[in-house]
């Protein structure tokens, strides 16, 4: 159980039903059963928190709670009935609480969007490839933060880690005491963990960012935040009615099957986790309020156009050796790539094969697309390539818009001859990009950004 969840449960238990005043069958049954008592205590915390939240539906809340209590009392001493009644009501109240306290973008957020759009446009005049990166880097917080990692277990053969036993360099005595009181060893057991102290709300006290690498097929990393609250750090979601046993994250990063990153930026006096989720031809940056529940968030979208080319010198897939393409093959591949700029079919229009279907073919499906893709690679487009009058189906793949100053866009063009059963051929494709559109909006979070 996380530190925030543990505190939530402790608060709930401390304000639970006074069993010395139980007067009926239902109350006595609840007091006699630990699980029911904990549910009742959680109900009390969530209900009272919702009553204090900025909502205009208090009369409705009171009325529905009274109706629920009447229905609950119908369970009498049936533990199973009572448990189900509590869990269903808690689910409803927690959803209402989250809706009441979810962060709602304001005028400052809109001004921040306007600033970012203006800055990216200005930077694109001199650097149309990396204007977004330059803008975010200029706003990234580089000072006033301290980072440290969980330590390996004393047993050299153990893969477990634990929270440091002594104060890391740069951590004040007050911060160290608060860290020790927050039971953060629970997080280190989930995977390789690192911690960063940074003031996320401008109150003069540094808050906590916890980063946990869990691996898996997507090589996932999950990031959650904790607010400094007096003598401890409280998980971002603990005060929002989240169930104590439920995990959470502000965002996650998928290192295999996505192109995601984050910059901690400060603009107009506010700190954001600028969460970037990229694909071929587009970067979307979601400005997450780091200590809030996020749903509708300020978003910047940057679109690119690529000038693609087929390098004359190619590398053999099974070795580090290179070879040169024949000029006529290079021209054919380049001509095929140029078809990617053609208008896509209108919705509802009859689907057309990519290569002509011979009359002798019974199953023509393989003439309509390249085939199944692979989750770790982004399939951009399928198109025909004509080589010596023969039609091949080509697919452009890339790694979700991954881009570098040295190589630009690195992509791969694969070819197959439909109906021939031949092995596919692969060719390297490079490209340079330029920004063609910058837009802003307030919308739903996406990618690995969580509520």
Protein backbone atom coordinates (compact mmCIF):
# COMPACT_ATOMS: atom_id res chain seq x y z
CA UNK A 1 0.00 0.00 0.00
CA UNK A 2 1.37 3.42 -0.95
CA UNK A 3 2.03 6.14 1.59
CA UNK A 4 -0.93 8.21 0.39
CA UNK A 5 -3.23 5.19 0.42
CA UNK A 6 -2.05 4.21 3.89
CA UNK A 7 -2.72 7.71 5.17
CA UNK A 8 -6.15 7.69 3.53
CA UNK A 9 -7.03 4.45 5.30
CA UNK A 10 -5.64 5.71 8.60
CA UNK A 11 -7.75 8.85 8.29
CA UNK A 12 -10.80 6.78 7.44
CA UNK A 13 -10.33 4.42 10.38
CA UNK A 14 -9.82 7.35 12.72
CA UNK A 15 -13.15 8.87 11.69
CA UNK A 16 -15.16 5.65 11.35
CA UNK A 17 -18.38 4.74 13.09
CA UNK A 18 -18.39 5.04 16.89
CA UNK A 19 -19.26 1.45 17.74
CA UNK A 20 -20.00 2.31 21.38
CA UNK A 21 -23.11 4.04 20.04
CA UNK A 22 -24.30 1.27 17.69
CA UNK A 23 -28.08 1.01 18.17
CA UNK A 24 -29.43 -1.38 15.53
CA UNK A 25 -28.74 -4.66 13.79
CA UNK A 26 -26.99 -3.09 10.81
CA UNK A 27 -24.61 -0.98 12.93
CA UNK A 28 -23.79 -3.90 15.22
CA UNK A 29 -23.11 -6.11 12.21
CA UNK A 30 -20.77 -3.48 10.73
CA UNK A 31 -18.89 -3.04 14.00
CA UNK A 32 -18.45 -6.79 14.36
CA UNK A 33 -16.93 -7.24 10.89
CA UNK A 34 -13.55 -5.64 10.13
CA UNK A 35 -14.12 -5.50 6.36
CA UNK A 36 -17.50 -3.80 6.72
CA UNK A 37 -16.13 -1.37 9.29
CA UNK A 38 -13.34 -0.34 6.92
CA UNK A 39 -15.87 0.17 4.10
CA UNK A 40 -18.03 2.29 6.39
CA UNK A 41 -15.00 4.34 7.44
CA UNK A 42 -14.00 4.93 3.81
CA UNK A 43 -17.59 5.92 3.06
CA UNK A 44 -17.41 8.53 5.82
CA UNK A 45 -14.21 10.08 4.45
CA UNK A 46 -15.46 10.19 0.88
CA UNK A 47 -18.91 11.52 1.79
CA UNK A 48 -17.58 14.26 4.08
CA UNK A 49 -14.97 15.20 1.50
CA UNK A 50 -17.63 15.46 -1.18
CA UNK A 51 -19.77 17.62 1.11
CA UNK A 52 -16.84 20.04 1.41
CA UNK A 53 -15.97 20.01 -2.29
CA UNK A 54 -16.97 22.81 -4.67
CA UNK A 55 -20.22 21.30 -5.95
CA UNK A 56 -23.71 22.71 -6.46
CA UNK A 57 -25.38 19.34 -5.91
CA UNK A 58 -25.25 19.07 -2.12
CA UNK A 59 -29.02 18.71 -1.73
CA UNK A 60 -29.02 15.92 -4.31
CA UNK A 61 -26.08 14.26 -2.54
CA UNK A 62 -27.87 14.35 0.85
CA UNK A 63 -31.07 12.97 -0.63
CA UNK A 64 -29.40 10.08 -2.45
CA UNK A 65 -27.32 9.25 0.63
CA UNK A 66 -30.47 9.01 2.75
CA UNK A 67 -32.06 6.73 0.16
CA UNK A 68 -28.94 4.56 0.13
CA UNK A 69 -28.92 4.30 3.94
CA UNK A 70 -32.53 3.12 3.83
CA UNK A 71 -31.66 0.48 1.22
CA UNK A 72 -28.54 -0.54 3.17
CA UNK A 73 -30.57 -1.08 6.32
CA UNK A 74 -32.66 -3.58 4.41
CA UNK A 75 -29.65 -5.92 4.44
CA UNK A 76 -29.99 -6.26 8.24
CA UNK A 77 -27.25 -8.70 9.36
CA UNK A 78 -26.44 -10.06 5.85
CA UNK A 79 -22.69 -9.36 5.56
CA UNK A 80 -22.55 -10.13 1.85
CA UNK A 81 -25.48 -7.82 1.11
CA UNK A 82 -23.97 -5.03 3.20
CA UNK A 83 -20.57 -5.36 1.53
CA UNK A 84 -22.05 -5.15 -1.96
CA UNK A 85 -24.20 -2.18 -0.96
CA UNK A 86 -21.17 -0.28 0.38
CA UNK A 87 -18.95 -1.05 -2.60
CA UNK A 88 -21.57 0.06 -5.11
CA UNK A 89 -22.24 3.30 -3.24
CA UNK A 90 -18.55 4.01 -2.77
CA UNK A 91 -17.99 3.64 -6.48
CA UNK A 92 -20.69 6.23 -7.18
CA UNK A 93 -19.43 8.68 -4.55
CA UNK A 94 -15.79 8.36 -5.61
CA UNK A 95 -16.75 9.11 -9.21
CA UNK A 96 -18.66 12.19 -8.02
CA UNK A 97 -15.73 13.28 -5.86
CA UNK A 98 -13.28 12.94 -8.70
CA UNK A 99 -15.59 14.95 -10.95
CA UNK A 100 -15.88 17.66 -8.30
CA UNK A 101 -12.15 18.01 -7.68
CA UNK A 102 -10.81 17.33 -11.18
CA UNK A 103 -8.61 20.16 -12.40
CA UNK A 104 -10.39 22.61 -14.69
CA UNK A 105 -8.15 24.69 -16.98
CA UNK A 106 -8.43 28.43 -16.43
CA UNK A 107 -7.40 31.71 -18.07
CA UNK A 108 -3.75 31.24 -17.11
CA UNK A 109 -3.69 27.88 -18.88
CA UNK A 110 -5.07 29.51 -22.03
CA UNK A 111 -2.44 32.24 -21.78
CA UNK A 112 0.22 29.53 -21.41
CA UNK A 113 -1.05 27.88 -24.60
CA UNK A 114 -0.92 31.20 -26.43
CA UNK A 115 2.66 31.76 -25.20
CA UNK A 116 3.77 28.30 -26.30
CA UNK A 117 2.21 28.64 -29.72
CA UNK A 118 3.83 32.05 -30.19
CA UNK A 119 7.25 30.79 -29.01
CA UNK A 120 7.15 27.69 -31.23
CA UNK A 121 6.21 29.80 -34.25
CA UNK A 122 9.05 32.20 -33.56
CA UNK A 123 11.56 29.36 -33.12
CA UNK A 124 10.35 27.63 -36.31
CA UNK A 125 11.49 30.60 -38.40
CA UNK A 126 15.12 29.76 -37.70
CA UNK A 127 14.76 26.07 -36.77
CA UNK A 128 11.74 24.46 -38.48
CA UNK A 129 12.89 20.97 -37.44
CA UNK A 130 13.36 21.40 -33.68
CA UNK A 131 11.31 24.44 -32.72
CA UNK A 132 9.23 22.44 -30.23
CA UNK A 133 12.29 20.96 -28.55
CA UNK A 134 14.01 24.33 -28.35
CA UNK A 135 10.92 25.94 -26.82
CA UNK A 136 10.40 23.25 -24.18
CA UNK A 137 14.10 23.17 -23.32
CA UNK A 138 14.10 26.93 -22.69
CA UNK A 139 11.26 26.47 -20.18
CA UNK A 140 12.55 23.31 -18.49
CA UNK A 141 13.29 23.65 -14.77
CA UNK A 142 16.99 22.98 -14.33
CA UNK A 143 17.62 24.20 -10.78
CA UNK A 144 16.16 23.73 -7.30
CA UNK A 145 15.69 20.00 -7.65
CA UNK A 146 17.34 17.02 -6.02
CA UNK A 147 17.22 13.47 -7.38
CA UNK A 148 18.25 10.16 -5.84
CA UNK A 149 17.54 6.48 -6.38
CA UNK A 150 16.38 3.55 -4.34
CA UNK A 151 19.23 1.41 -3.03
CA UNK A 152 19.84 -2.28 -3.78
CA UNK A 153 19.06 -4.85 -1.14
CA UNK A 154 21.86 -5.88 1.23
CA UNK A 155 21.62 -9.36 -0.23
CA UNK A 156 23.72 -9.20 -3.41
CA UNK A 157 21.52 -11.83 -5.06
CA UNK A 158 18.28 -9.97 -4.40
CA UNK A 159 16.64 -7.90 -7.13
CA UNK A 160 14.71 -5.81 -4.59
CA UNK A 161 15.51 -2.23 -3.72
CA UNK A 162 14.62 -0.11 -0.72
CA UNK A 163 14.32 3.53 0.19
CA UNK A 164 17.70 5.00 1.28
CA UNK A 165 18.57 4.53 4.95
CA UNK A 166 20.44 7.81 5.20
CA UNK A 167 19.59 11.25 3.84
CA UNK A 168 20.82 11.69 0.23
CA UNK A 169 22.91 14.71 -0.63
CA UNK A 170 20.81 17.82 -1.20
CA UNK A 171 17.87 16.66 0.96
CA UNK A 172 17.14 18.92 3.93
CA UNK A 173 16.53 17.53 7.42
CA UNK A 174 12.88 18.58 7.23
CA UNK A 175 12.44 16.86 3.87
CA UNK A 176 14.21 13.75 5.10
CA UNK A 177 11.90 13.48 8.10
CA UNK A 178 8.87 13.86 5.85
CA UNK A 179 10.22 11.25 3.41
CA UNK A 180 10.79 8.77 6.24
CA UNK A 181 7.23 9.30 7.49
CA UNK A 182 5.73 8.56 4.06
CA UNK A 183 6.36 4.79 3.80
CA UNK A 184 7.99 5.02 0.35
CA UNK A 185 9.50 1.54 0.57
CA UNK A 186 6.11 0.36 -0.74
CA UNK A 187 6.94 2.03 -4.07
CA UNK A 188 10.47 0.65 -4.35
CA UNK A 189 9.11 -2.90 -4.29
CA UNK A 190 7.33 -2.31 -7.60
CA UNK A 191 10.51 -1.87 -9.64
CA UNK A 192 13.61 0.28 -10.10
CA UNK A 193 12.67 3.53 -8.43
CA UNK A 194 14.05 7.07 -8.41
CA UNK A 195 12.90 10.16 -6.53
CA UNK A 196 13.03 13.87 -7.35
CA UNK A 197 12.27 16.75 -5.00
CA UNK A 198 10.87 19.80 -6.81
CA UNK A 199 8.40 22.53 -5.85
CA UNK A 200 5.39 21.71 -8.04
CA UNK A 201 2.83 24.17 -6.65
CA UNK A 202 4.86 27.26 -5.76
CA UNK A 203 4.25 27.07 -2.00
CA UNK A 204 7.98 27.18 -1.18
CA UNK A 205 8.14 23.50 -0.19
CA UNK A 206 9.51 20.89 -2.54
CA UNK A 207 7.11 18.12 -3.53
CA UNK A 208 8.03 14.61 -4.61
CA UNK A 209 8.14 12.93 -8.02
CA UNK A 210 8.42 9.12 -7.92
CA UNK A 211 9.54 7.30 -11.06
CA UNK A 212 9.19 3.51 -11.21
CA UNK A 213 10.53 1.36 -14.03
CA UNK A 214 8.46 -1.81 -14.29
CA UNK A 215 9.66 -3.13 -17.66
CA UNK A 216 7.31 -5.55 -19.37
CA UNK A 217 6.81 -5.77 -23.12
CA UNK A 218 6.55 -1.99 -23.39
CA UNK A 219 9.50 -1.27 -21.07
CA UNK A 220 7.13 0.88 -19.03
CA UNK A 221 8.03 3.63 -16.57
CA UNK A 222 5.31 5.08 -14.31
CA UNK A 223 5.55 8.53 -12.72
CA UNK A 224 3.47 9.69 -9.78
CA UNK A 225 3.63 12.82 -7.63
CA UNK A 226 3.29 13.47 -3.92
CA UNK A 227 2.40 16.81 -2.38
CA UNK A 228 4.41 18.03 0.64
CA UNK A 229 1.82 18.27 3.39
CA UNK A 230 3.42 19.28 6.67
CA UNK A 231 5.38 16.37 8.08
CA UNK A 232 4.84 13.94 5.20
CA UNK A 233 4.31 13.57 1.45
CA UNK A 234 0.79 12.70 0.28
CA UNK A 235 0.08 10.92 -3.01
CA UNK A 236 -1.60 13.14 -5.61
CA UNK A 237 -4.79 11.09 -5.65
CA UNK A 238 -5.10 10.29 -1.94
CA UNK A 239 -7.20 13.36 -1.19
CA UNK A 240 -9.51 12.69 -4.13
CA UNK A 241 -11.38 9.66 -2.85
CA UNK A 242 -9.35 7.03 -4.64
CA UNK A 243 -9.56 3.58 -3.11
CA UNK A 244 -6.61 2.94 -0.80
CA UNK A 245 -5.44 -0.19 -2.62
CA UNK A 246 -5.61 1.32 -6.11
CA UNK A 247 -2.36 2.39 -7.74
CA UNK A 248 -2.11 5.51 -9.85
CA UNK A 249 0.25 7.48 -12.00
CA UNK A 250 0.34 10.99 -13.38
CA UNK A 251 1.67 9.53 -16.63
CA UNK A 252 3.60 6.57 -18.00
CA UNK A 253 6.27 6.26 -20.67
CA UNK A 254 6.33 3.36 -23.11
CA UNK A 255 9.84 2.79 -24.47
CA UNK A 256 8.82 0.06 -26.92
CA UNK A 257 5.73 0.73 -28.98
CA UNK A 258 5.55 4.51 -28.51
CA UNK A 259 7.61 7.69 -28.53
CA UNK A 260 6.86 9.47 -25.27
CA UNK A 261 8.75 11.82 -22.98
CA UNK A 262 8.17 14.59 -20.46
CA UNK A 263 9.68 17.99 -19.68
CA UNK A 264 9.06 19.65 -16.32
CA UNK A 265 8.51 23.24 -17.36
CA UNK A 266 7.67 26.50 -15.62
CA UNK A 267 5.71 29.18 -17.45
CA UNK A 268 3.67 32.11 -16.15
CA UNK A 269 4.43 31.04 -12.61
CA UNK A 270 3.00 27.52 -13.04
CA UNK A 271 4.76 24.17 -13.22
CA UNK A 272 3.56 21.60 -15.75
CA UNK A 273 4.56 18.11 -16.71
CA UNK A 274 4.72 18.70 -20.48
CA UNK A 275 3.89 15.17 -21.59
CA UNK A 276 4.84 14.56 -25.20
CA UNK A 277 3.24 11.75 -27.21
CA UNK A 278 4.62 11.51 -30.74
CA UNK A 279 3.86 9.78 -34.00
CA UNK A 280 4.75 10.08 -37.65
CA UNK A 281 4.22 13.71 -38.60
CA UNK A 282 2.85 14.89 -35.27
CA UNK A 283 3.83 15.82 -31.72
CA UNK A 284 1.13 16.24 -29.11
CA UNK A 285 2.10 17.91 -25.84
CA UNK A 286 -0.33 17.62 -22.92
CA UNK A 287 0.26 20.13 -20.12
CA UNK A 288 -0.48 18.12 -16.97
CA UNK A 289 -1.04 19.86 -13.65
CA UNK A 290 1.36 17.75 -11.58
CA UNK A 291 -0.57 17.59 -8.31
CA UNK A 292 -4.09 17.42 -9.72
CA UNK A 293 -6.48 14.96 -11.27
CA UNK A 294 -6.25 15.76 -14.98
CA UNK A 295 -8.96 15.21 -17.55
CA UNK A 296 -9.38 18.23 -19.81
CA UNK A 297 -5.88 19.65 -20.26
CA UNK A 298 -4.15 22.37 -22.32
CA UNK A 299 -2.74 20.69 -25.42
CA UNK A 300 -0.32 21.77 -28.13
CA UNK A 301 -0.25 19.90 -31.44
CA UNK A 302 2.63 20.34 -33.88
CA UNK A 303 2.37 18.83 -37.36
CA UNK A 304 5.29 18.17 -39.71
CA UNK A 305 5.85 17.41 -43.36
CA UNK A 306 8.80 15.25 -44.37
CA UNK A 307 11.06 15.37 -47.37
CA UNK A 308 11.75 11.64 -47.71
CA UNK A 309 14.53 10.06 -49.71
CA UNK A 310 15.99 6.61 -50.32
CA UNK A 311 19.76 6.57 -49.56
CA UNK A 312 21.78 5.17 -52.42
CA UNK A 313 23.95 3.32 -49.91
CA UNK A 314 21.99 0.73 -47.93
CA UNK A 315 22.99 -1.60 -45.11
CA UNK A 316 22.52 -5.36 -45.23
CA UNK A 317 20.01 -6.38 -42.56
CA UNK A 318 22.05 -9.35 -41.34
CA UNK A 319 25.44 -7.61 -41.17
CA UNK A 320 27.21 -4.27 -40.87
CA UNK A 321 28.19 -4.31 -44.52
CA UNK A 322 26.67 -1.94 -47.08
CA UNK A 323 25.66 -2.09 -50.72
CA UNK A 324 24.53 0.39 -53.36
CA UNK A 325 21.10 0.44 -54.95
CA UNK A 326 20.78 0.36 -58.70
CA UNK A 327 19.69 3.82 -59.87
CA UNK A 328 16.52 2.49 -61.51
CA UNK A 329 15.50 0.73 -58.26
CA UNK A 330 16.17 3.88 -56.25
CA UNK A 331 13.98 5.87 -58.65
CA UNK A 332 11.18 3.31 -58.45
CA UNK A 333 11.22 3.35 -54.64
CA UNK A 334 11.28 7.15 -54.59
CA UNK A 335 8.36 7.32 -57.00
CA UNK A 336 6.40 4.94 -54.77
CA UNK A 337 7.11 7.12 -51.73
CA UNK A 338 5.78 10.15 -53.57
CA UNK A 339 2.34 8.49 -53.69
CA UNK A 340 2.06 8.94 -49.92
CA UNK A 341 1.18 12.61 -50.50
CA UNK A 342 -1.84 11.70 -52.62
CA UNK A 343 -5.32 12.28 -51.19
CA UNK A 344 -6.59 9.33 -49.12
CA UNK A 345 -9.83 7.59 -50.21
CA UNK A 346 -13.04 9.32 -49.20
CA UNK A 347 -14.90 7.60 -46.36
CA UNK A 348 -17.50 5.23 -47.76
CA UNK A 349 -15.76 4.97 -51.12
CA UNK A 350 -15.26 1.43 -52.41
CA UNK A 351 -11.93 0.00 -51.36
CA UNK A 352 -9.42 -0.38 -54.19
CA UNK A 353 -6.57 -2.90 -54.42
CA UNK A 354 -3.04 -1.54 -54.17
CA UNK A 355 -1.84 -3.80 -56.95
CA UNK A 356 -4.03 -5.16 -59.80
CA UNK A 357 -5.70 -8.46 -58.90
CA UNK A 358 -5.14 -11.20 -61.51
CA UNK A 359 -8.34 -12.85 -62.72
CA UNK A 360 -6.99 -16.27 -61.67
CA UNK A 361 -6.71 -15.26 -57.98
CA UNK A 362 -9.43 -16.64 -55.71
CA UNK A 363 -8.43 -14.85 -52.49
CA UNK A 364 -7.67 -11.26 -53.40
CA UNK A 365 -7.35 -9.84 -49.86
CA UNK A 366 -3.54 -9.72 -49.88
CA UNK A 367 -3.67 -7.28 -52.80
CA UNK A 368 -5.42 -4.64 -50.66
CA UNK A 369 -2.83 -4.10 -47.91
CA UNK A 370 0.64 -5.05 -46.87
CA UNK A 371 -0.61 -7.18 -43.98
CA UNK A 372 -0.33 -7.27 -40.22
CA UNK A 373 2.06 -4.89 -38.49
CA UNK A 374 4.15 -5.10 -35.33
CA UNK A 375 3.24 -3.22 -32.15
CA UNK A 376 6.72 -1.74 -31.64
CA UNK A 377 6.74 -0.10 -35.09
CA UNK A 378 4.32 2.47 -36.48
CA UNK A 379 2.87 1.50 -39.87
CA UNK A 380 2.52 4.79 -41.74
CA UNK A 381 1.08 3.92 -45.15
CA UNK A 382 0.72 1.20 -47.79
CA UNK A 383 1.27 2.07 -51.47
CA UNK A 384 2.34 0.49 -54.78
CA UNK A 385 5.89 0.43 -56.12
CA UNK A 386 6.38 -0.49 -59.79
CA UNK A 387 9.69 -2.21 -60.59
CA UNK A 388 10.24 -3.34 -64.19
CA UNK A 389 6.46 -3.26 -64.82
CA UNK A 390 5.80 -5.51 -61.80
CA UNK A 391 3.64 -4.18 -58.96
CA UNK A 392 4.84 -4.56 -55.39
CA UNK A 393 2.98 -3.58 -52.24
CA UNK A 394 5.11 -1.32 -50.07
CA UNK A 395 4.73 -0.14 -46.50
CA UNK A 396 6.50 2.73 -44.80
CA UNK A 397 7.28 1.98 -41.15
CA UNK A 398 8.89 4.21 -38.59
CA UNK A 399 9.42 4.42 -34.84
CA UNK A 400 6.61 6.80 -33.91
CA UNK A 401 8.25 9.90 -35.33
CA UNK A 402 11.60 9.40 -33.58
CA UNK A 403 13.85 12.12 -34.93
CA UNK A 404 17.46 13.21 -34.48
CA UNK A 405 19.62 16.07 -35.68
CA UNK A 406 22.10 13.72 -37.30
CA UNK A 407 19.79 11.33 -39.12
CA UNK A 408 16.47 13.15 -39.14
CA UNK A 409 13.65 10.63 -39.48
CA UNK A 410 14.78 7.03 -39.67
CA UNK A 411 12.20 4.84 -41.37
CA UNK A 412 11.99 1.60 -43.28
CA UNK A 413 10.31 0.74 -46.54
CA UNK A 414 9.35 -2.92 -46.95
CA UNK A 415 8.22 -4.54 -50.19
CA UNK A 416 6.41 -7.73 -51.01
CA UNK A 417 5.07 -9.19 -54.25
CA UNK A 418 1.43 -10.20 -53.68
CA UNK A 419 0.69 -13.78 -54.61
CA UNK A 420 4.35 -14.70 -55.04
CA UNK A 421 5.18 -15.91 -51.52
CA UNK A 422 8.59 -14.29 -51.75
CA UNK A 423 10.49 -12.90 -48.77
CA UNK A 424 9.97 -9.22 -48.18
CA UNK A 425 12.66 -6.72 -49.07
CA UNK A 426 13.57 -3.84 -46.78
CA UNK A 427 15.18 -0.48 -47.54
CA UNK A 428 16.25 2.40 -45.33
CA UNK A 429 14.40 5.68 -45.69
CA UNK A 430 15.55 9.01 -44.28
CA UNK A 431 13.78 12.32 -44.13
CA UNK A 432 14.01 15.86 -42.88
CA UNK A 433 10.97 17.58 -41.45
CA UNK A 434 9.56 21.07 -41.19
CA UNK A 435 6.65 22.37 -39.15
CA UNK A 436 3.51 23.00 -41.17
CA UNK A 437 0.94 23.61 -38.42
CA UNK A 438 0.81 24.55 -34.72
CA UNK A 439 -2.54 24.36 -32.97
CA UNK A 440 -3.76 24.52 -29.37
CA UNK A 441 -6.83 23.23 -27.59
CA UNK A 442 -8.28 22.18 -24.27
CA UNK A 443 -9.10 18.49 -24.53
CA UNK A 444 -8.94 14.98 -23.16
CA UNK A 445 -5.59 13.64 -22.00
CA UNK A 446 -4.05 11.02 -24.29
CA UNK A 447 -1.17 8.60 -24.64
CA UNK A 448 0.01 7.35 -21.27
CA UNK A 449 -1.22 10.40 -19.39
CA UNK A 450 -3.62 9.23 -16.69
CA UNK A 451 -6.50 10.95 -14.95
